[in-house]
Amino acid sequence: MKTKQLLILLGILVGLVVIVGLVENPFAKSEYAKKLEAASLLFPDFNRESVTKIEITASGETTTLAKENNQWLVASMENYPADAEGVKDVLDNVTELKTTGLVSSNPEKQGQFEVDSSGAEAKLFDAGGNVLAHLFLGKTTPGYLSSYVRAADSNNVYVGKGNLKATFDKGTRTWKDRTIFSFNKGDVTHLTIKSEEEEIELEMDAEGKWQMTKPEAIAAVEPELDALLDSLSDLDTDDFADANDLSEYGLDAPKSSVLAKLNDGSTRLLHIGNEESGKHYVKREDKAPVFMLFQYKINQLLKKSEDLKDDTPVAEDETVESEESESGAGE
């Protein structure tokens, strides 16, 4: 009897699984995925390799990015190196945008979706000045995971993945490359940290261990030093300063600095100047621009010798063992 009941229950369970599978069909593609596959590209003839200039207009200002010798520059900002990853994101988006999720074809509703002059406008050109793509990036959808987008020669408004306007419009962060330093921290063999209070020298020994040589000779705390090198080797600016006289920033004769020597003989020297509104003016020795870093980043770099020296006492058993070893050797 129990066996029969078990078989009945098993049969019911199998039936329920089949029904759920038919209704839910978890392995089937979602309707959105089907629409995405069926949709055509918003700019089917767009060739990203042909793009040599990008104009982005937002909030009444136009930023021009130009490609010269395979490097992207912010032409509207004295040809300062551009955010290469940001340019790649723009080209990726224009390449991949599809005619998915048509929300309107009414030109009177373009302002509602901010796919007009109230949003961001982008034009991408080739070397001959031909427009390869011209589009408007609007506000995000209610779920904030997508945005409204429109090709300039069409009234159709579609939904594109991600916050597209933010990808094209950098706002006050600008399109400038924010990199101060970018190098392999494992290549560093020597560090000099100067502050108003002290000067610290550290170097890597033959066994690959960091040793402090100044203000005293002692082993360095590896985790603290590793965190410092993490910050220095991958350092981005928090803001850009105006091109004023260095004396205004305390960088004509800086009282603080961090110097890293690499195993190829090259150096990376960061001068640290005055503080203003929670940010310090800083400058690379070999570059003209003046950057600004928040105080916490300065704290990550200007470590004190007390933080970096490994003054961990030798364990008692190790001391005893060492003394016994020396005693035995004497006998």
C-alpha atoms as a PDB file:
ATOM      1  CA  MET A   1       0.000   0.000   0.000  1.00  0.00           C
ATOM      2  CA  LYS A   2       2.772   2.392   0.936  1.00  0.00           C
ATOM      3  CA  THR A   3       4.601   1.617  -2.305  1.00  0.00           C
ATOM      4  CA  LYS A   4       1.476   2.370  -4.344  1.00  0.00           C
ATOM      5  CA  GLN A   5       0.985   5.729  -2.571  1.00  0.00           C
ATOM      6  CA  LEU A   6       4.627   6.601  -3.144  1.00  0.00           C
ATOM      7  CA  LEU A   7       4.291   5.908  -6.872  1.00  0.00           C
ATOM      8  CA  ILE A   8       1.156   8.046  -7.064  1.00  0.00           C
ATOM      9  CA  LEU A   9       2.867  10.960  -5.319  1.00  0.00           C
ATOM     10  CA  LEU A  10       5.886  10.584  -7.566  1.00  0.00           C
ATOM     11  CA  GLY A  11       3.652  10.675 -10.630  1.00  0.00           C
ATOM     12  CA  ILE A  12       1.936  13.844  -9.381  1.00  0.00           C
ATOM     13  CA  LEU A  13       5.323  15.488  -8.747  1.00  0.00           C
ATOM     14  CA  VAL A  14       6.531  14.642 -12.255  1.00  0.00           C
ATOM     15  CA  GLY A  15       3.327  16.047 -13.687  1.00  0.00           C
ATOM     16  CA  LEU A  16       3.730  19.313 -11.794  1.00  0.00           C
ATOM     17  CA  VAL A  17       7.326  19.657 -12.993  1.00  0.00           C
ATOM     18  CA  VAL A  18       6.188  19.185 -16.593  1.00  0.00           C
ATOM     19  CA  ILE A  19       3.422  21.768 -16.202  1.00  0.00           C
ATOM     20  CA  VAL A  20       5.776  24.329 -14.646  1.00  0.00           C
ATOM     21  CA  GLY A  21       8.287  23.700 -17.398  1.00  0.00           C
ATOM     22  CA  LEU A  22       5.679  24.283 -20.086  1.00  0.00           C
ATOM     23  CA  VAL A  23       4.372  27.449 -18.457  1.00  0.00           C
ATOM     24  CA  GLU A  24       7.606  29.034 -17.245  1.00  0.00           C
ATOM     25  CA  ASN A  25      10.028  27.465 -19.707  1.00  0.00           C
ATOM     26  CA  PRO A  26      13.146  28.720 -17.928  1.00  0.00           C
ATOM     27  CA  PHE A  27      15.365  27.671 -20.807  1.00  0.00           C
ATOM     28  CA  ALA A  28      13.420  29.659 -23.360  1.00  0.00           C
ATOM     29  CA  LYS A  29      14.625  33.083 -24.393  1.00  0.00           C
ATOM     30  CA  SER A  30      12.882  36.058 -22.844  1.00  0.00           C
ATOM     31  CA  GLU A  31      10.701  38.244 -25.008  1.00  0.00           C
ATOM     32  CA  TYR A  32      13.252  41.042 -24.681  1.00  0.00           C
ATOM     33  CA  ALA A  33      16.058  38.723 -25.833  1.00  0.00           C
ATOM     34  CA  LYS A  34      13.982  37.722 -28.853  1.00  0.00           C
ATOM     35  CA  LYS A  35      13.279  41.376 -29.700  1.00  0.00           C
ATOM     36  CA  LEU A  36      16.948  42.226 -29.289  1.00  0.00           C
ATOM     37  CA  GLU A  37      17.968  39.520 -31.744  1.00  0.00           C
ATOM     38  CA  ALA A  38      15.342  40.589 -34.229  1.00  0.00           C
ATOM     39  CA  ALA A  39      16.205  44.294 -33.971  1.00  0.00           C
ATOM     40  CA  SER A  40      18.499  45.986 -36.465  1.00  0.00           C
ATOM     41  CA  LEU A  41      21.445  48.217 -35.622  1.00  0.00           C
ATOM     42  CA  LEU A  42      20.649  51.891 -35.136  1.00  0.00           C
ATOM     43  CA  PHE A  43      23.643  52.750 -37.341  1.00  0.00           C
ATOM     44  CA  PRO A  44      24.123  49.672 -39.568  1.00  0.00           C
ATOM     45  CA  ASP A  45      26.889  51.225 -41.710  1.00  0.00           C
ATOM     46  CA  PHE A  46      28.874  52.639 -38.804  1.00  0.00           C
ATOM     47  CA  ASN A  47      32.599  51.787 -38.870  1.00  0.00           C
ATOM     48  CA  ARG A  48      34.308  52.676 -35.599  1.00  0.00           C
ATOM     49  CA  GLU A  49      37.771  52.390 -37.137  1.00  0.00           C
ATOM     50  CA  SER A  50      36.970  55.306 -39.435  1.00  0.00           C
ATOM     51  CA  VAL A  51      36.126  57.710 -36.609  1.00  0.00           C
ATOM     52  CA  THR A  52      38.689  60.503 -36.186  1.00  0.00           C
ATOM     53  CA  LYS A  53      36.587  63.177 -34.478  1.00  0.00           C
ATOM     54  CA  ILE A  54      33.765  63.208 -31.942  1.00  0.00           C
ATOM     55  CA  GLU A  55      31.704  66.267 -31.003  1.00  0.00           C
ATOM     56  CA  ILE A  56      29.580  66.071 -27.864  1.00  0.00           C
ATOM     57  CA  THR A  57      27.228  68.925 -26.978  1.00  0.00           C
ATOM     58  CA  ALA A  58      25.560  69.090 -23.581  1.00  0.00           C
ATOM     59  CA  SER A  59      24.377  71.942 -21.355  1.00  0.00           C
ATOM     60  CA  GLY A  60      25.215  74.421 -24.093  1.00  0.00           C
ATOM     61  CA  GLU A  61      28.889  73.418 -24.338  1.00  0.00           C
ATOM     62  CA  THR A  62      30.621  71.386 -27.029  1.00  0.00           C
ATOM     63  CA  THR A  63      33.575  69.104 -26.364  1.00  0.00           C
ATOM     64  CA  THR A  64      35.657  68.003 -29.338  1.00  0.00           C
ATOM     65  CA  LEU A  65      37.704  64.816 -29.260  1.00  0.00           C
ATOM     66  CA  ALA A  66      40.216  64.260 -32.047  1.00  0.00           C
ATOM     67  CA  LYS A  67      42.326  61.260 -32.976  1.00  0.00           C
ATOM     68  CA  GLU A  68      45.955  62.024 -33.847  1.00  0.00           C
ATOM     69  CA  ASN A  69      48.638  59.386 -34.351  1.00  0.00           C
ATOM     70  CA  ASN A  70      46.331  56.750 -32.836  1.00  0.00           C
ATOM     71  CA  GLN A  71      45.853  58.809 -29.670  1.00  0.00           C
ATOM     72  CA  TRP A  72      42.642  60.535 -28.642  1.00  0.00           C
ATOM     73  CA  LEU A  73      42.984  64.144 -27.512  1.00  0.00           C
ATOM     74  CA  VAL A  74      40.548  66.702 -26.105  1.00  0.00           C
ATOM     75  CA  ALA A  75      40.962  69.204 -28.939  1.00  0.00           C
ATOM     76  CA  SER A  76      38.699  71.718 -27.201  1.00  0.00           C
ATOM     77  CA  MET A  77      41.009  71.660 -24.147  1.00  0.00           C
ATOM     78  CA  GLU A  78      44.401  72.382 -25.691  1.00  0.00           C
ATOM     79  CA  ASN A  79      44.796  68.831 -26.997  1.00  0.00           C
ATOM     80  CA  TYR A  80      45.051  67.320 -23.533  1.00  0.00           C
ATOM     81  CA  PRO A  81      45.141  63.476 -23.666  1.00  0.00           C
ATOM     82  CA  ALA A  82      41.590  62.139 -23.577  1.00  0.00           C
ATOM     83  CA  ASP A  83      40.096  59.425 -21.408  1.00  0.00           C
ATOM     84  CA  ALA A  84      40.874  56.491 -23.727  1.00  0.00           C
ATOM     85  CA  GLU A  85      38.511  54.117 -21.917  1.00  0.00           C
ATOM     86  CA  GLY A  86      35.733  56.693 -22.131  1.00  0.00           C
ATOM     87  CA  VAL A  87      36.228  57.055 -25.894  1.00  0.00           C
ATOM     88  CA  LYS A  88      36.098  53.279 -26.243  1.00  0.00           C
ATOM     89  CA  ASP A  89      32.791  53.221 -24.340  1.00  0.00           C
ATOM     90  CA  VAL A  90      31.339  55.797 -26.750  1.00  0.00           C
ATOM     91  CA  LEU A  91      32.432  53.819 -29.805  1.00  0.00           C
ATOM     92  CA  ASP A  92      31.160  50.564 -28.266  1.00  0.00           C
ATOM     93  CA  ASN A  93      27.736  52.079 -27.617  1.00  0.00           C
ATOM     94  CA  VAL A  94      27.324  53.609 -31.060  1.00  0.00           C
ATOM     95  CA  THR A  95      28.422  50.326 -32.639  1.00  0.00           C
ATOM     96  CA  GLU A  96      26.013  48.201 -30.603  1.00  0.00           C
ATOM     97  CA  LEU A  97      22.894  50.401 -30.350  1.00  0.00           C
ATOM     98  CA  LYS A  98      19.817  48.662 -31.740  1.00  0.00           C
ATOM     99  CA  THR A  99      16.271  49.601 -32.682  1.00  0.00           C
ATOM    100  CA  THR A 100      14.888  47.914 -29.585  1.00  0.00           C
ATOM    101  CA  GLY A 101      11.946  49.070 -27.482  1.00  0.00           C
ATOM    102  CA  LEU A 102      10.384  51.735 -29.678  1.00  0.00           C
ATOM    103  CA  VAL A 103       8.671  54.123 -27.253  1.00  0.00           C
ATOM    104  CA  SER A 104       7.643  56.996 -29.512  1.00  0.00           C
ATOM    105  CA  SER A 105       7.640  58.340 -33.059  1.00  0.00           C
ATOM    106  CA  ASN A 106       6.025  61.621 -32.121  1.00  0.00           C
ATOM    107  CA  PRO A 107       8.459  64.552 -32.569  1.00  0.00           C
ATOM    108  CA  GLU A 108       6.484  66.557 -30.003  1.00  0.00           C
ATOM    109  CA  LYS A 109       7.476  64.064 -27.291  1.00  0.00           C
ATOM    110  CA  GLN A 110      11.233  64.276 -27.883  1.00  0.00           C
ATOM    111  CA  GLY A 111      11.610  66.799 -25.058  1.00  0.00           C
ATOM    112  CA  GLN A 112       9.791  64.449 -22.724  1.00  0.00           C
ATOM    113  CA  PHE A 113      12.475  61.814 -23.282  1.00  0.00           C
ATOM    114  CA  GLU A 114      15.254  64.448 -23.522  1.00  0.00           C
ATOM    115  CA  VAL A 115      16.325  63.227 -26.942  1.00  0.00           C
ATOM    116  CA  ASP A 116      16.578  66.786 -28.230  1.00  0.00           C
ATOM    117  CA  SER A 117      18.760  69.745 -27.273  1.00  0.00           C
ATOM    118  CA  SER A 118      17.831  69.172 -23.616  1.00  0.00           C
ATOM    119  CA  GLY A 119      19.860  65.954 -23.619  1.00  0.00           C
ATOM    120  CA  ALA A 120      23.312  65.158 -25.003  1.00  0.00           C
ATOM    121  CA  GLU A 121      24.041  65.319 -28.725  1.00  0.00           C
ATOM    122  CA  ALA A 122      26.895  63.423 -30.348  1.00  0.00           C
ATOM    123  CA  LYS A 123      28.360  63.568 -33.838  1.00  0.00           C
ATOM    124  CA  LEU A 124      31.059  61.184 -35.028  1.00  0.00           C
ATOM    125  CA  PHE A 125      33.108  62.074 -38.132  1.00  0.00           C
ATOM    126  CA  ASP A 126      35.640  60.399 -40.396  1.00  0.00           C
ATOM    127  CA  ALA A 127      38.864  61.978 -41.656  1.00  0.00           C
ATOM    128  CA  GLY A 128      37.009  63.565 -44.590  1.00  0.00           C
ATOM    129  CA  GLY A 129      34.543  65.341 -42.302  1.00  0.00           C
ATOM    130  CA  ASN A 130      31.690  62.999 -43.172  1.00  0.00           C
ATOM    131  CA  VAL A 131      29.176  62.322 -40.392  1.00  0.00           C
ATOM    132  CA  LEU A 132      29.247  58.606 -39.560  1.00  0.00           C
ATOM    133  CA  ALA A 133      26.698  58.814 -36.743  1.00  0.00           C
ATOM    134  CA  HIS A 134      24.568  61.595 -35.273  1.00  0.00           C
ATOM    135  CA  LEU A 135      22.447  60.858 -32.232  1.00  0.00           C
ATOM    136  CA  PHE A 136      20.748  62.253 -29.135  1.00  0.00           C
ATOM    137  CA  LEU A 137      21.118  60.627 -25.718  1.00  0.00           C
ATOM    138  CA  GLY A 138      18.219  61.209 -23.340  1.00  0.00           C
ATOM    139  CA  LYS A 139      17.297  60.557 -19.763  1.00  0.00           C
ATOM    140  CA  THR A 140      17.238  57.146 -18.115  1.00  0.00           C
ATOM    141  CA  THR A 141      14.130  54.993 -18.092  1.00  0.00           C
ATOM    142  CA  PRO A 142      12.121  54.661 -14.822  1.00  0.00           C
ATOM    143  CA  GLY A 143      14.191  51.623 -13.820  1.00  0.00           C
ATOM    144  CA  TYR A 144      17.475  53.561 -14.365  1.00  0.00           C
ATOM    145  CA  LEU A 145      18.976  50.576 -16.192  1.00  0.00           C
ATOM    146  CA  SER A 146      18.368  51.932 -19.690  1.00  0.00           C
ATOM    147  CA  SER A 147      18.161  55.246 -21.519  1.00  0.00           C
ATOM    148  CA  TYR A 148      16.231  56.836 -24.350  1.00  0.00           C
ATOM    149  CA  VAL A 149      18.125  57.351 -27.593  1.00  0.00           C
ATOM    150  CA  ARG A 150      17.298  58.761 -31.029  1.00  0.00           C
ATOM    151  CA  ALA A 151      19.167  58.949 -34.321  1.00  0.00           C
ATOM    152  CA  ALA A 152      19.181  62.587 -35.464  1.00  0.00           C
ATOM    153  CA  ASP A 153      17.597  61.798 -38.846  1.00  0.00           C
ATOM    154  CA  SER A 154      14.646  59.933 -37.291  1.00  0.00           C
ATOM    155  CA  ASN A 155      11.742  60.675 -34.960  1.00  0.00           C
ATOM    156  CA  ASN A 156      11.859  57.160 -33.504  1.00  0.00           C
ATOM    157  CA  VAL A 157      12.878  57.010 -29.854  1.00  0.00           C
ATOM    158  CA  TYR A 158      14.327  53.709 -28.655  1.00  0.00           C
ATOM    159  CA  VAL A 159      15.548  52.274 -25.365  1.00  0.00           C
ATOM    160  CA  GLY A 160      19.295  51.656 -25.081  1.00  0.00           C
ATOM    161  CA  LYS A 161      21.061  49.729 -22.344  1.00  0.00           C
ATOM    162  CA  GLY A 162      22.776  51.689 -19.560  1.00  0.00           C
ATOM    163  CA  ASN A 163      23.049  55.370 -18.694  1.00  0.00           C
ATOM    164  CA  LEU A 164      23.996  56.537 -22.158  1.00  0.00           C
ATOM    165  CA  LYS A 165      23.904  60.259 -21.440  1.00  0.00           C
ATOM    166  CA  ALA A 166      26.484  59.866 -18.665  1.00  0.00           C
ATOM    167  CA  THR A 167      28.703  57.860 -21.038  1.00  0.00           C
ATOM    168  CA  PHE A 168      28.769  60.724 -23.547  1.00  0.00           C
ATOM    169  CA  ASP A 169      28.482  63.733 -21.229  1.00  0.00           C
ATOM    170  CA  LYS A 170      31.295  63.824 -18.625  1.00  0.00           C
ATOM    171  CA  GLY A 171      30.056  67.094 -17.154  1.00  0.00           C
ATOM    172  CA  THR A 172      32.449  68.772 -14.726  1.00  0.00           C
ATOM    173  CA  ARG A 173      34.705  65.694 -14.686  1.00  0.00           C
ATOM    174  CA  THR A 174      35.663  66.574 -18.291  1.00  0.00           C
ATOM    175  CA  TRP A 175      36.994  64.249 -20.971  1.00  0.00           C
ATOM    176  CA  LYS A 176      40.608  64.668 -19.873  1.00  0.00           C
ATOM    177  CA  ASP A 177      42.585  61.561 -19.015  1.00  0.00           C
ATOM    178  CA  ARG A 178      42.611  61.496 -15.197  1.00  0.00           C
ATOM    179  CA  THR A 179      45.687  59.294 -14.886  1.00  0.00           C
ATOM    180  CA  ILE A 180      48.590  60.652 -12.852  1.00  0.00           C
ATOM    181  CA  PHE A 181      50.570  57.411 -12.547  1.00  0.00           C
ATOM    182  CA  SER A 182      50.030  53.951 -13.982  1.00  0.00           C
ATOM    183  CA  PHE A 183      52.858  51.456 -13.582  1.00  0.00           C
ATOM    184  CA  ASN A 184      53.570  47.999 -12.172  1.00  0.00           C
ATOM    185  CA  LYS A 185      54.096  48.313  -8.428  1.00  0.00           C
ATOM    186  CA  GLY A 186      56.245  45.172  -8.533  1.00  0.00           C
ATOM    187  CA  ASP A 187      58.876  47.102 -10.502  1.00  0.00           C
ATOM    188  CA  VAL A 188      59.563  49.511  -7.637  1.00  0.00           C
ATOM    189  CA  THR A 189      62.886  48.948  -5.862  1.00  0.00           C
ATOM    190  CA  HIS A 190      63.288  52.161  -3.879  1.00  0.00           C
ATOM    191  CA  LEU A 191      61.000  54.724  -2.223  1.00  0.00           C
ATOM    192  CA  THR A 192      61.652  58.150  -0.761  1.00  0.00           C
ATOM    193  CA  ILE A 193      58.886  59.853   1.189  1.00  0.00           C
ATOM    194  CA  LYS A 194      59.463  63.461   2.183  1.00  0.00           C
ATOM    195  CA  SER A 195      57.195  65.486   4.446  1.00  0.00           C
ATOM    196  CA  GLU A 196      57.623  68.561   6.606  1.00  0.00           C
ATOM    197  CA  GLU A 197      58.324  66.286   9.588  1.00  0.00           C
ATOM    198  CA  GLU A 198      60.769  63.707   8.192  1.00  0.00           C
ATOM    199  CA  GLU A 199      62.362  61.951   5.249  1.00  0.00           C
ATOM    200  CA  ILE A 200      61.950  58.201   4.838  1.00  0.00           C
ATOM    201  CA  GLU A 201      64.062  55.924   2.633  1.00  0.00           C
ATOM    202  CA  LEU A 202      63.024  52.370   1.818  1.00  0.00           C
ATOM    203  CA  GLU A 203      64.576  49.837  -0.510  1.00  0.00           C
ATOM    204  CA  MET A 204      64.112  46.248  -1.515  1.00  0.00           C
ATOM    205  CA  ASP A 205      66.882  43.885  -0.424  1.00  0.00           C
ATOM    206  CA  ALA A 206      68.397  40.942  -2.311  1.00  0.00           C
ATOM    207  CA  GLU A 207      65.734  38.618  -0.901  1.00  0.00           C
ATOM    208  CA  GLY A 208      62.879  40.779  -2.154  1.00  0.00           C
ATOM    209  CA  LYS A 209      62.062  42.161   1.301  1.00  0.00           C
ATOM    210  CA  TRP A 210      61.536  45.848   1.968  1.00  0.00           C
ATOM    211  CA  GLN A 211      63.907  47.510   4.415  1.00  0.00           C
ATOM    212  CA  MET A 212      63.788  51.014   5.859  1.00  0.00           C
ATOM    213  CA  THR A 213      67.190  52.693   5.702  1.00  0.00           C
ATOM    214  CA  LYS A 214      66.177  56.147   6.920  1.00  0.00           C
ATOM    215  CA  PRO A 215      65.464  57.543   9.514  1.00  0.00           C
ATOM    216  CA  GLU A 216      66.607  54.181  10.917  1.00  0.00           C
ATOM    217  CA  ALA A 217      67.631  50.775   9.615  1.00  0.00           C
ATOM    218  CA  ILE A 218      64.801  48.337  10.224  1.00  0.00           C
ATOM    219  CA  ALA A 219      62.542  45.941   8.325  1.00  0.00           C
ATOM    220  CA  ALA A 220      59.455  47.537   6.779  1.00  0.00           C
ATOM    221  CA  VAL A 221      55.858  46.495   7.383  1.00  0.00           C
ATOM    222  CA  GLU A 222      54.995  44.809   4.080  1.00  0.00           C
ATOM    223  CA  PRO A 223      51.169  45.271   4.157  1.00  0.00           C
ATOM    224  CA  GLU A 224      51.463  49.027   4.841  1.00  0.00           C
ATOM    225  CA  LEU A 225      54.045  49.463   2.112  1.00  0.00           C
ATOM    226  CA  ASP A 226      52.040  47.358  -0.317  1.00  0.00           C
ATOM    227  CA  ALA A 227      48.985  49.563   0.237  1.00  0.00           C
ATOM    228  CA  LEU A 228      51.109  52.658  -0.429  1.00  0.00           C
ATOM    229  CA  LEU A 229      52.423  51.175  -3.675  1.00  0.00           C
ATOM    230  CA  ASP A 230      48.872  50.226  -4.709  1.00  0.00           C
ATOM    231  CA  SER A 231      47.831  53.858  -4.377  1.00  0.00           C
ATOM    232  CA  LEU A 232      50.900  55.362  -6.061  1.00  0.00           C
ATOM    233  CA  SER A 233      51.097  52.979  -9.013  1.00  0.00           C
ATOM    234  CA  ASP A 234      47.449  53.445  -9.994  1.00  0.00           C
ATOM    235  CA  LEU A 235      46.842  57.101  -9.146  1.00  0.00           C
ATOM    236  CA  ASP A 236      44.058  59.163 -10.736  1.00  0.00           C
ATOM    237  CA  THR A 237      43.324  62.815 -10.127  1.00  0.00           C
ATOM    238  CA  ASP A 238      40.215  64.009  -8.343  1.00  0.00           C
ATOM    239  CA  ASP A 239      40.275  67.337 -10.166  1.00  0.00           C
ATOM    240  CA  PHE A 240      42.335  69.551 -12.478  1.00  0.00           C
ATOM    241  CA  ALA A 241      43.817  72.882 -11.401  1.00  0.00           C
ATOM    242  CA  ASP A 242      44.059  75.975 -13.582  1.00  0.00           C
ATOM    243  CA  ALA A 243      47.356  76.665 -15.328  1.00  0.00           C
ATOM    244  CA  ASN A 244      48.552  79.254 -12.798  1.00  0.00           C
ATOM    245  CA  ASP A 245      52.025  79.965 -11.460  1.00  0.00           C
ATOM    246  CA  LEU A 246      53.290  77.005  -9.418  1.00  0.00           C
ATOM    247  CA  SER A 247      53.976  79.285  -6.454  1.00  0.00           C
ATOM    248  CA  GLU A 248      50.215  79.754  -6.044  1.00  0.00           C
ATOM    249  CA  TYR A 249      49.901  76.026  -5.406  1.00  0.00           C
ATOM    250  CA  GLY A 250      52.967  75.607  -3.225  1.00  0.00           C
ATOM    251  CA  LEU A 251      54.597  73.556  -5.958  1.00  0.00           C
ATOM    252  CA  ASP A 252      57.505  75.858  -6.826  1.00  0.00           C
ATOM    253  CA  ALA A 253      59.381  74.553  -3.786  1.00  0.00           C
ATOM    254  CA  PRO A 254      57.237  71.683  -2.487  1.00  0.00           C
ATOM    255  CA  LYS A 255      57.800  70.538   1.091  1.00  0.00           C
ATOM    256  CA  SER A 256      56.387  67.042   0.506  1.00  0.00           C
ATOM    257  CA  SER A 257      56.963  64.454  -2.209  1.00  0.00           C
ATOM    258  CA  VAL A 258      56.972  60.754  -3.000  1.00  0.00           C
ATOM    259  CA  LEU A 259      59.661  59.283  -5.239  1.00  0.00           C
ATOM    260  CA  ALA A 260      59.624  55.756  -6.645  1.00  0.00           C
ATOM    261  CA  LYS A 261      62.594  54.219  -8.463  1.00  0.00           C
ATOM    262  CA  LEU A 262      61.851  51.327 -10.809  1.00  0.00           C
ATOM    263  CA  ASN A 263      64.033  48.400 -11.770  1.00  0.00           C
ATOM    264  CA  ASP A 264      64.535  49.797 -15.286  1.00  0.00           C
ATOM    265  CA  GLY A 265      66.207  52.897 -13.848  1.00  0.00           C
ATOM    266  CA  SER A 266      63.241  55.224 -14.405  1.00  0.00           C
ATOM    267  CA  THR A 267      61.619  57.265 -11.649  1.00  0.00           C
ATOM    268  CA  ARG A 268      58.151  58.517 -10.721  1.00  0.00           C
ATOM    269  CA  LEU A 269      58.199  61.688  -8.616  1.00  0.00           C
ATOM    270  CA  LEU A 270      55.066  63.329  -7.235  1.00  0.00           C
ATOM    271  CA  HIS A 271      55.305  66.783  -5.679  1.00  0.00           C
ATOM    272  CA  ILE A 272      52.652  67.653  -3.084  1.00  0.00           C
ATOM    273  CA  GLY A 273      51.688  71.273  -2.512  1.00  0.00           C
ATOM    274  CA  ASN A 274      49.118  73.336  -0.655  1.00  0.00           C
ATOM    275  CA  GLU A 275      45.727  72.142   0.544  1.00  0.00           C
ATOM    276  CA  GLU A 276      42.516  73.903  -0.418  1.00  0.00           C
ATOM    277  CA  SER A 277      38.959  72.848   0.434  1.00  0.00           C
ATOM    278  CA  GLY A 278      40.003  69.315   1.350  1.00  0.00           C
ATOM    279  CA  LYS A 279      42.172  68.782  -1.736  1.00  0.00           C
ATOM    280  CA  HIS A 280      45.931  69.072  -2.217  1.00  0.00           C
ATOM    281  CA  TYR A 281      47.616  70.403  -5.330  1.00  0.00           C
ATOM    282  CA  VAL A 282      50.016  67.826  -6.763  1.00  0.00           C
ATOM    283  CA  LYS A 283      52.238  67.613  -9.815  1.00  0.00           C
ATOM    284  CA  ARG A 284      54.436  65.088 -11.533  1.00  0.00           C
ATOM    285  CA  GLU A 285      58.044  66.181 -11.842  1.00  0.00           C
ATOM    286  CA  ASP A 286      58.068  65.415 -15.578  1.00  0.00           C
ATOM    287  CA  LYS A 287      54.623  66.764 -16.558  1.00  0.00           C
ATOM    288  CA  ALA A 288      53.163  70.265 -16.705  1.00  0.00           C
ATOM    289  CA  PRO A 289      49.553  69.765 -15.496  1.00  0.00           C
ATOM    290  CA  VAL A 290      48.661  70.425 -11.879  1.00  0.00           C
ATOM    291  CA  PHE A 291      46.233  67.948 -10.339  1.00  0.00           C
ATOM    292  CA  MET A 292      44.219  67.866  -7.117  1.00  0.00           C
ATOM    293  CA  LEU A 293      43.882  64.953  -4.704  1.00  0.00           C
ATOM    294  CA  PHE A 294      41.566  64.509  -1.744  1.00  0.00           C
ATOM    295  CA  GLN A 295      43.214  64.450   1.671  1.00  0.00           C
ATOM    296  CA  TYR A 296      42.645  60.713   2.151  1.00  0.00           C
ATOM    297  CA  LYS A 297      44.718  59.970  -0.947  1.00  0.00           C
ATOM    298  CA  ILE A 298      47.533  62.141   0.372  1.00  0.00           C
ATOM    299  CA  ASN A 299      47.353  60.210   3.648  1.00  0.00           C
ATOM    300  CA  GLN A 300      47.732  56.962   1.694  1.00  0.00           C
ATOM    301  CA  LEU A 301      50.986  58.257   0.199  1.00  0.00           C
ATOM    302  CA  LEU A 302      52.632  60.318   2.940  1.00  0.00           C
ATOM    303  CA  LYS A 303      53.110  57.534   5.436  1.00  0.00           C
ATOM    304  CA  LYS A 304      55.045  58.119   8.635  1.00  0.00           C
ATOM    305  CA  SER A 305      58.095  56.085   9.574  1.00  0.00           C
ATOM    306  CA  GLU A 306      56.242  54.793  12.640  1.00  0.00           C
ATOM    307  CA  ASP A 307      53.620  53.305  10.300  1.00  0.00           C
ATOM    308  CA  LEU A 308      56.165  51.649   8.031  1.00  0.00           C
ATOM    309  CA  LYS A 309      58.770  50.161  10.354  1.00  0.00           C
ATOM    310  CA  ASP A 310      58.324  46.591  11.513  1.00  0.00           C
ATOM    311  CA  ASP A 311      59.178  46.774  15.205  1.00  0.00           C
ATOM    312  CA  THR A 312      57.476  43.485  16.069  1.00  0.00           C
ATOM    313  CA  PRO A 313      59.421  41.987  19.015  1.00  0.00           C
ATOM    314  CA  VAL A 314      61.163  38.679  18.464  1.00  0.00           C
ATOM    315  CA  ALA A 315      59.180  35.782  19.948  1.00  0.00           C
ATOM    316  CA  GLU A 316      60.525  34.546  23.311  1.00  0.00           C
ATOM    317  CA  ASP A 317      60.978  30.936  22.196  1.00  0.00           C
ATOM    318  CA  GLU A 318      62.963  32.102  19.185  1.00  0.00           C
ATOM    319  CA  THR A 319      65.212  34.174  21.471  1.00  0.00           C
ATOM    320  CA  VAL A 320      65.794  31.236  23.821  1.00  0.00           C
ATOM    321  CA  GLU A 321      66.492  28.918  20.911  1.00  0.00           C
ATOM    322  CA  SER A 322      68.969  31.418  19.487  1.00  0.00           C
ATOM    323  CA  GLU A 323      70.744  31.791  22.841  1.00  0.00           C
ATOM    324  CA  GLU A 324      70.925  27.994  23.312  1.00  0.00           C
ATOM    325  CA  SER A 325      72.339  27.618  19.828  1.00  0.00           C
ATOM    326  CA  GLU A 326      75.040  30.193  20.541  1.00  0.00           C
ATOM    327  CA  SER A 327      75.822  28.516  23.916  1.00  0.00           C
ATOM    328  CA  GLY A 328      76.168  25.112  22.284  1.00  0.00           C
ATOM    329  CA  ALA A 329      78.441  26.522  19.651  1.00  0.00           C
ATOM    330  CA  GLY A 330      80.678  27.977  22.406  1.00  0.00           C
ATOM    331  CA  GLU A 331      81.019  24.628  24.149  1.00  0.00           C
END
